[in-house]
Amino acid sequence: MNEETFNLSIRKFLKVVGVGSQREIEQAVAKAIADGSLAGDEVLPAKVTLEVAGLKLVVDFDGEIRLQ
């Protein structure tokens, strides 16, 4: 295994996940505020599931997103 290639690959994957997730959350929040289903001061529970099939790895990460 090439450690440098491995680490760069993980970082690239996590960057795609991070940027894409942020964009999706921002758009969903903007839409929910616009349609009145959110006031804009909520704390939203959030969960991400990481799955790597080749490793039989499934891990959940829980947190929250504060709008104010």
PDB file of N, CA and C in Angstrom:
ATOM      1  N   MET A   1       0.846  -1.182   0.000  1.00  0.00           N
ATOM      2  CA  MET A   1       0.000   0.000   0.000  1.00  0.00           C
ATOM      3  C   MET A   1       0.888   1.241   0.000  1.00  0.00           C
ATOM      4  N   ASN A   2       0.476   2.231  -0.765  1.00  0.00           N
ATOM      5  CA  ASN A   2       1.187   3.497  -0.811  1.00  0.00           C
ATOM      6  C   ASN A   2       0.466   4.468   0.127  1.00  0.00           C
ATOM      7  N   GLU A   3       1.092   4.781   1.251  1.00  0.00           N
ATOM      8  CA  GLU A   3       0.471   5.627   2.278  1.00  0.00           C
ATOM      9  C   GLU A   3       0.089   7.002   1.739  1.00  0.00           C
ATOM     10  N   GLU A   4       0.943   7.582   0.931  1.00  0.00           N
ATOM     11  CA  GLU A   4       0.661   8.919   0.405  1.00  0.00           C
ATOM     12  C   GLU A   4      -0.568   8.898  -0.504  1.00  0.00           C
ATOM     13  N   THR A   5      -0.632   7.939  -1.400  1.00  0.00           N
ATOM     14  CA  THR A   5      -1.786   7.798  -2.292  1.00  0.00           C
ATOM     15  C   THR A   5      -3.053   7.554  -1.487  1.00  0.00           C
ATOM     16  N   PHE A   6      -2.961   6.690  -0.502  1.00  0.00           N
ATOM     17  CA  PHE A   6      -4.085   6.354   0.368  1.00  0.00           C
ATOM     18  C   PHE A   6      -4.607   7.597   1.086  1.00  0.00           C
ATOM     19  N   ASN A   7      -3.693   8.341   1.722  1.00  0.00           N
ATOM     20  CA  ASN A   7      -4.096   9.533   2.468  1.00  0.00           C
ATOM     21  C   ASN A   7      -4.675  10.614   1.554  1.00  0.00           C
ATOM     22  N   LEU A   8      -4.080  10.826   0.401  1.00  0.00           N
ATOM     23  CA  LEU A   8      -4.606  11.807  -0.547  1.00  0.00           C
ATOM     24  C   LEU A   8      -5.991  11.408  -1.040  1.00  0.00           C
ATOM     25  N   SER A   9      -6.185  10.130  -1.263  1.00  0.00           N
ATOM     26  CA  SER A   9      -7.479   9.627  -1.719  1.00  0.00           C
ATOM     27  C   SER A   9      -8.559   9.856  -0.658  1.00  0.00           C
ATOM     28  N   ILE A  10      -8.234   9.591   0.587  1.00  0.00           N
ATOM     29  CA  ILE A  10      -9.185   9.827   1.688  1.00  0.00           C
ATOM     30  C   ILE A  10      -9.519  11.313   1.783  1.00  0.00           C
ATOM     31  N   ARG A  11      -8.509  12.156   1.732  1.00  0.00           N
ATOM     32  CA  ARG A  11      -8.731  13.607   1.819  1.00  0.00           C
ATOM     33  C   ARG A  11      -9.607  14.111   0.669  1.00  0.00           C
ATOM     34  N   LYS A  12      -9.359  13.612  -0.530  1.00  0.00           N
ATOM     35  CA  LYS A  12     -10.153  14.011  -1.692  1.00  0.00           C
ATOM     36  C   LYS A  12     -11.612  13.587  -1.506  1.00  0.00           C
ATOM     37  N   PHE A  13     -11.828  12.375  -1.055  1.00  0.00           N
ATOM     38  CA  PHE A  13     -13.188  11.885  -0.807  1.00  0.00           C
ATOM     39  C   PHE A  13     -13.886  12.732   0.250  1.00  0.00           C
ATOM     40  N   LEU A  14     -13.197  13.007   1.358  1.00  0.00           N
ATOM     41  CA  LEU A  14     -13.803  13.786   2.436  1.00  0.00           C
ATOM     42  C   LEU A  14     -14.086  15.220   2.007  1.00  0.00           C
ATOM     43  N   LYS A  15     -13.255  15.782   1.148  1.00  0.00           N
ATOM     44  CA  LYS A  15     -13.504  17.136   0.641  1.00  0.00           C
ATOM     45  C   LYS A  15     -14.774  17.151  -0.203  1.00  0.00           C
ATOM     46  N   VAL A  16     -14.936  16.165  -1.078  1.00  0.00           N
ATOM     47  CA  VAL A  16     -16.138  16.060  -1.907  1.00  0.00           C
ATOM     48  C   VAL A  16     -17.371  15.921  -1.015  1.00  0.00           C
ATOM     49  N   VAL A  17     -17.282  15.066  -0.013  1.00  0.00           N
ATOM     50  CA  VAL A  17     -18.400  14.859   0.912  1.00  0.00           C
ATOM     51  C   VAL A  17     -18.705  16.148   1.672  1.00  0.00           C
ATOM     52  N   GLY A  18     -17.678  16.803   2.182  1.00  0.00           N
ATOM     53  CA  GLY A  18     -17.879  18.016   2.967  1.00  0.00           C
ATOM     54  C   GLY A  18     -18.488  19.149   2.161  1.00  0.00           C
ATOM     55  N   VAL A  19     -17.932  19.416   0.996  1.00  0.00           N
ATOM     56  CA  VAL A  19     -18.420  20.510   0.151  1.00  0.00           C
ATOM     57  C   VAL A  19     -19.833  20.198  -0.351  1.00  0.00           C
ATOM     58  N   GLY A  20     -20.032  18.990  -0.811  1.00  0.00           N
ATOM     59  CA  GLY A  20     -21.353  18.599  -1.315  1.00  0.00           C
ATOM     60  C   GLY A  20     -22.419  18.612  -0.232  1.00  0.00           C
ATOM     61  N   SER A  21     -22.074  18.120   0.939  1.00  0.00           N
ATOM     62  CA  SER A  21     -23.017  18.105   2.058  1.00  0.00           C
ATOM     63  C   SER A  21     -23.382  19.517   2.484  1.00  0.00           C
ATOM     64  N   GLN A  22     -22.400  20.385   2.575  1.00  0.00           N
ATOM     65  CA  GLN A  22     -22.669  21.765   2.968  1.00  0.00           C
ATOM     66  C   GLN A  22     -23.618  22.426   1.978  1.00  0.00           C
ATOM     67  N   ARG A  23     -23.370  22.244   0.697  1.00  0.00           N
ATOM     68  CA  ARG A  23     -24.219  22.835  -0.337  1.00  0.00           C
ATOM     69  C   ARG A  23     -25.658  22.324  -0.207  1.00  0.00           C
ATOM     70  N   GLU A  24     -25.825  21.033  -0.036  1.00  0.00           N
ATOM     71  CA  GLU A  24     -27.163  20.446   0.087  1.00  0.00           C
ATOM     72  C   GLU A  24     -27.900  20.973   1.319  1.00  0.00           C
ATOM     73  N   ILE A  25     -27.189  21.065   2.433  1.00  0.00           N
ATOM     74  CA  ILE A  25     -27.802  21.566   3.673  1.00  0.00           C
ATOM     75  C   ILE A  25     -28.193  23.029   3.517  1.00  0.00           C
ATOM     76  N   GLU A  26     -27.303  23.839   2.971  1.00  0.00           N
ATOM     77  CA  GLU A  26     -27.604  25.265   2.774  1.00  0.00           C
ATOM     78  C   GLU A  26     -28.830  25.453   1.891  1.00  0.00           C
ATOM     79  N   GLN A  27     -28.921  24.704   0.801  1.00  0.00           N
ATOM     80  CA  GLN A  27     -30.064  24.817  -0.095  1.00  0.00           C
ATOM     81  C   GLN A  27     -31.352  24.370   0.579  1.00  0.00           C
ATOM     82  N   ALA A  28     -31.283  23.274   1.343  1.00  0.00           N
ATOM     83  CA  ALA A  28     -32.477  22.768   2.028  1.00  0.00           C
ATOM     84  C   ALA A  28     -32.959  23.747   3.097  1.00  0.00           C
ATOM     85  N   VAL A  29     -32.024  24.355   3.829  1.00  0.00           N
ATOM     86  CA  VAL A  29     -32.393  25.331   4.854  1.00  0.00           C
ATOM     87  C   VAL A  29     -33.005  26.565   4.205  1.00  0.00           C
ATOM     88  N   ALA A  30     -32.401  27.068   3.149  1.00  0.00           N
ATOM     89  CA  ALA A  30     -32.938  28.250   2.462  1.00  0.00           C
ATOM     90  C   ALA A  30     -34.350  27.991   1.964  1.00  0.00           C
ATOM     91  N   LYS A  31     -34.566  26.822   1.394  1.00  0.00           N
ATOM     92  CA  LYS A  31     -35.900  26.464   0.886  1.00  0.00           C
ATOM     93  C   LYS A  31     -36.900  26.371   2.040  1.00  0.00           C
ATOM     94  N   ALA A  32     -36.499  25.730   3.142  1.00  0.00           N
ATOM     95  CA  ALA A  32     -37.395  25.568   4.285  1.00  0.00           C
ATOM     96  C   ALA A  32     -37.741  26.903   4.924  1.00  0.00           C
ATOM     97  N   ILE A  33     -36.791  27.812   4.984  1.00  0.00           N
ATOM     98  CA  ILE A  33     -37.075  29.152   5.515  1.00  0.00           C
ATOM     99  C   ILE A  33     -38.006  29.899   4.562  1.00  0.00           C
ATOM    100  N   ALA A  34     -37.762  29.780   3.269  1.00  0.00           N
ATOM    101  CA  ALA A  34     -38.593  30.461   2.274  1.00  0.00           C
ATOM    102  C   ALA A  34     -40.035  29.965   2.292  1.00  0.00           C
ATOM    103  N   ASP A  35     -40.226  28.664   2.501  1.00  0.00           N
ATOM    104  CA  ASP A  35     -41.600  28.142   2.491  1.00  0.00           C
ATOM    105  C   ASP A  35     -42.254  28.155   3.875  1.00  0.00           C
ATOM    106  N   GLY A  36     -41.513  28.653   4.865  1.00  0.00           N
ATOM    107  CA  GLY A  36     -42.087  28.832   6.192  1.00  0.00           C
ATOM    108  C   GLY A  36     -42.034  27.619   7.098  1.00  0.00           C
ATOM    109  N   SER A  37     -41.426  26.532   6.643  1.00  0.00           N
ATOM    110  CA  SER A  37     -41.369  25.349   7.510  1.00  0.00           C
ATOM    111  C   SER A  37     -40.263  25.445   8.558  1.00  0.00           C
ATOM    112  N   LEU A  38     -39.355  26.406   8.397  1.00  0.00           N
ATOM    113  CA  LEU A  38     -38.366  26.726   9.428  1.00  0.00           C
ATOM    114  C   LEU A  38     -38.426  28.229   9.690  1.00  0.00           C
ATOM    115  N   ALA A  39     -38.219  28.598  10.950  1.00  0.00           N
ATOM    116  CA  ALA A  39     -38.210  30.016  11.316  1.00  0.00           C
ATOM    117  C   ALA A  39     -36.819  30.629  11.146  1.00  0.00           C
ATOM    118  N   GLY A  40     -35.786  29.791  11.238  1.00  0.00           N
ATOM    119  CA  GLY A  40     -34.427  30.289  11.099  1.00  0.00           C
ATOM    120  C   GLY A  40     -33.654  30.333  12.397  1.00  0.00           C
ATOM    121  N   ASP A  41     -34.292  29.872  13.480  1.00  0.00           N
ATOM    122  CA  ASP A  41     -33.605  29.867  14.777  1.00  0.00           C
ATOM    123  C   ASP A  41     -33.511  28.461  15.377  1.00  0.00           C
ATOM    124  N   GLU A  42     -33.775  27.459  14.558  1.00  0.00           N
ATOM    125  CA  GLU A  42     -33.794  26.078  15.038  1.00  0.00           C
ATOM    126  C   GLU A  42     -32.399  25.499  15.249  1.00  0.00           C
ATOM    127  N   VAL A  43     -32.397  24.417  16.020  1.00  0.00           N
ATOM    128  CA  VAL A  43     -31.236  23.535  16.129  1.00  0.00           C
ATOM    129  C   VAL A  43     -31.697  22.216  15.520  1.00  0.00           C
ATOM    130  N   LEU A  44     -31.034  21.809  14.454  1.00  0.00           N
ATOM    131  CA  LEU A  44     -31.465  20.625  13.708  1.00  0.00           C
ATOM    132  C   LEU A  44     -30.540  19.446  13.985  1.00  0.00           C
ATOM    133  N   PRO A  45     -31.095  18.342  14.486  1.00  0.00           N
ATOM    134  CA  PRO A  45     -30.254  17.156  14.647  1.00  0.00           C
ATOM    135  C   PRO A  45     -29.823  16.662  13.262  1.00  0.00           C
ATOM    136  N   ALA A  46     -28.595  16.190  13.173  1.00  0.00           N
ATOM    137  CA  ALA A  46     -28.074  15.709  11.893  1.00  0.00           C
ATOM    138  C   ALA A  46     -27.332  14.394  12.102  1.00  0.00           C
ATOM    139  N   LYS A  47     -27.336  13.586  11.058  1.00  0.00           N
ATOM    140  CA  LYS A  47     -26.660  12.286  11.121  1.00  0.00           C
ATOM    141  C   LYS A  47     -26.051  11.996   9.754  1.00  0.00           C
ATOM    142  N   VAL A  48     -24.834  11.497   9.765  1.00  0.00           N
ATOM    143  CA  VAL A  48     -24.161  11.049   8.547  1.00  0.00           C
ATOM    144  C   VAL A  48     -23.750   9.601   8.764  1.00  0.00           C
ATOM    145  N   THR A  49     -23.982   8.783   7.765  1.00  0.00           N
ATOM    146  CA  THR A  49     -23.547   7.391   7.812  1.00  0.00           C
ATOM    147  C   THR A  49     -22.449   7.198   6.781  1.00  0.00           C
ATOM    148  N   LEU A  50     -21.298   6.749   7.246  1.00  0.00           N
ATOM    149  CA  LEU A  50     -20.167   6.439   6.372  1.00  0.00           C
ATOM    150  C   LEU A  50     -20.163   4.937   6.122  1.00  0.00           C
ATOM    151  N   GLU A  51     -20.145   4.567   4.855  1.00  0.00           N
ATOM    152  CA  GLU A  51     -20.125   3.151   4.509  1.00  0.00           C
ATOM    153  C   GLU A  51     -19.031   2.895   3.477  1.00  0.00           C
ATOM    154  N   VAL A  52     -18.165   1.953   3.780  1.00  0.00           N
ATOM    155  CA  VAL A  52     -17.135   1.515   2.842  1.00  0.00           C
ATOM    156  C   VAL A  52     -17.337   0.017   2.662  1.00  0.00           C
ATOM    157  N   ALA A  53     -18.020  -0.332   1.587  1.00  0.00           N
ATOM    158  CA  ALA A  53     -18.449  -1.716   1.380  1.00  0.00           C
ATOM    159  C   ALA A  53     -17.287  -2.710   1.387  1.00  0.00           C
ATOM    160  N   GLY A  54     -16.185  -2.350   0.749  1.00  0.00           N
ATOM    161  CA  GLY A  54     -15.047  -3.265   0.674  1.00  0.00           C
ATOM    162  C   GLY A  54     -14.431  -3.578   2.019  1.00  0.00           C
ATOM    163  N   LEU A  55     -14.732  -2.755   3.026  1.00  0.00           N
ATOM    164  CA  LEU A  55     -14.203  -2.973   4.377  1.00  0.00           C
ATOM    165  C   LEU A  55     -15.273  -3.443   5.350  1.00  0.00           C
ATOM    166  N   LYS A  56     -16.510  -3.553   4.853  1.00  0.00           N
ATOM    167  CA  LYS A  56     -17.652  -3.869   5.714  1.00  0.00           C
ATOM    168  C   LYS A  56     -17.722  -2.873   6.870  1.00  0.00           C
ATOM    169  N   LEU A  57     -17.477  -1.610   6.548  1.00  0.00           N
ATOM    170  CA  LEU A  57     -17.463  -0.537   7.534  1.00  0.00           C
ATOM    171  C   LEU A  57     -18.735   0.289   7.399  1.00  0.00           C
ATOM    172  N   VAL A  58     -19.463   0.426   8.504  1.00  0.00           N
ATOM    173  CA  VAL A  58     -20.632   1.298   8.569  1.00  0.00           C
ATOM    174  C   VAL A  58     -20.550   2.026   9.905  1.00  0.00           C
ATOM    175  N   VAL A  59     -20.404   3.350   9.847  1.00  0.00           N
ATOM    176  CA  VAL A  59     -20.245   4.156  11.053  1.00  0.00           C
ATOM    177  C   VAL A  59     -21.180   5.351  10.963  1.00  0.00           C
ATOM    178  N   ASP A  60     -21.917   5.619  12.030  1.00  0.00           N
ATOM    179  CA  ASP A  60     -22.786   6.783  12.100  1.00  0.00           C
ATOM    180  C   ASP A  60     -22.106   7.899  12.880  1.00  0.00           C
ATOM    181  N   PHE A  61     -22.300   9.126  12.401  1.00  0.00           N
ATOM    182  CA  PHE A  61     -21.819  10.315  13.088  1.00  0.00           C
ATOM    183  C   PHE A  61     -23.027  11.202  13.346  1.00  0.00           C
ATOM    184  N   ASP A  62     -23.258  11.560  14.606  1.00  0.00           N
ATOM    185  CA  ASP A  62     -24.394  12.385  14.983  1.00  0.00           C
ATOM    186  C   ASP A  62     -23.912  13.755  15.407  1.00  0.00           C
ATOM    187  N   GLY A  63     -24.724  14.747  15.127  1.00  0.00           N
ATOM    188  CA  GLY A  63     -24.400  16.106  15.545  1.00  0.00           C
ATOM    189  C   GLY A  63     -25.620  16.976  15.418  1.00  0.00           C
ATOM    190  N   GLU A  64     -25.390  18.277  15.354  1.00  0.00           N
ATOM    191  CA  GLU A  64     -26.492  19.207  15.196  1.00  0.00           C
ATOM    192  C   GLU A  64     -26.040  20.391  14.361  1.00  0.00           C
ATOM    193  N   ILE A  65     -27.024  21.004  13.734  1.00  0.00           N
ATOM    194  CA  ILE A  65     -26.786  22.188  12.932  1.00  0.00           C
ATOM    195  C   ILE A  65     -27.619  23.307  13.538  1.00  0.00           C
ATOM    196  N   ARG A  66     -26.948  24.333  13.997  1.00  0.00           N
ATOM    197  CA  ARG A  66     -27.615  25.476  14.624  1.00  0.00           C
ATOM    198  C   ARG A  66     -27.795  26.576  13.595  1.00  0.00           C
ATOM    199  N   LEU A  67     -29.011  27.074  13.487  1.00  0.00           N
ATOM    200  CA  LEU A  67     -29.301  28.123  12.533  1.00  0.00           C
ATOM    201  C   LEU A  67     -29.081  29.511  13.109  1.00  0.00           C
ATOM    202  N   GLN A  68     -28.939  29.581  14.414  1.00  0.00           N
ATOM    203  CA  GLN A  68     -28.695  30.880  15.043  1.00  0.00           C
ATOM    204  C   GLN A  68     -27.826  30.696  16.265  1.00  0.00           C
TER     205      GLN A  68
END
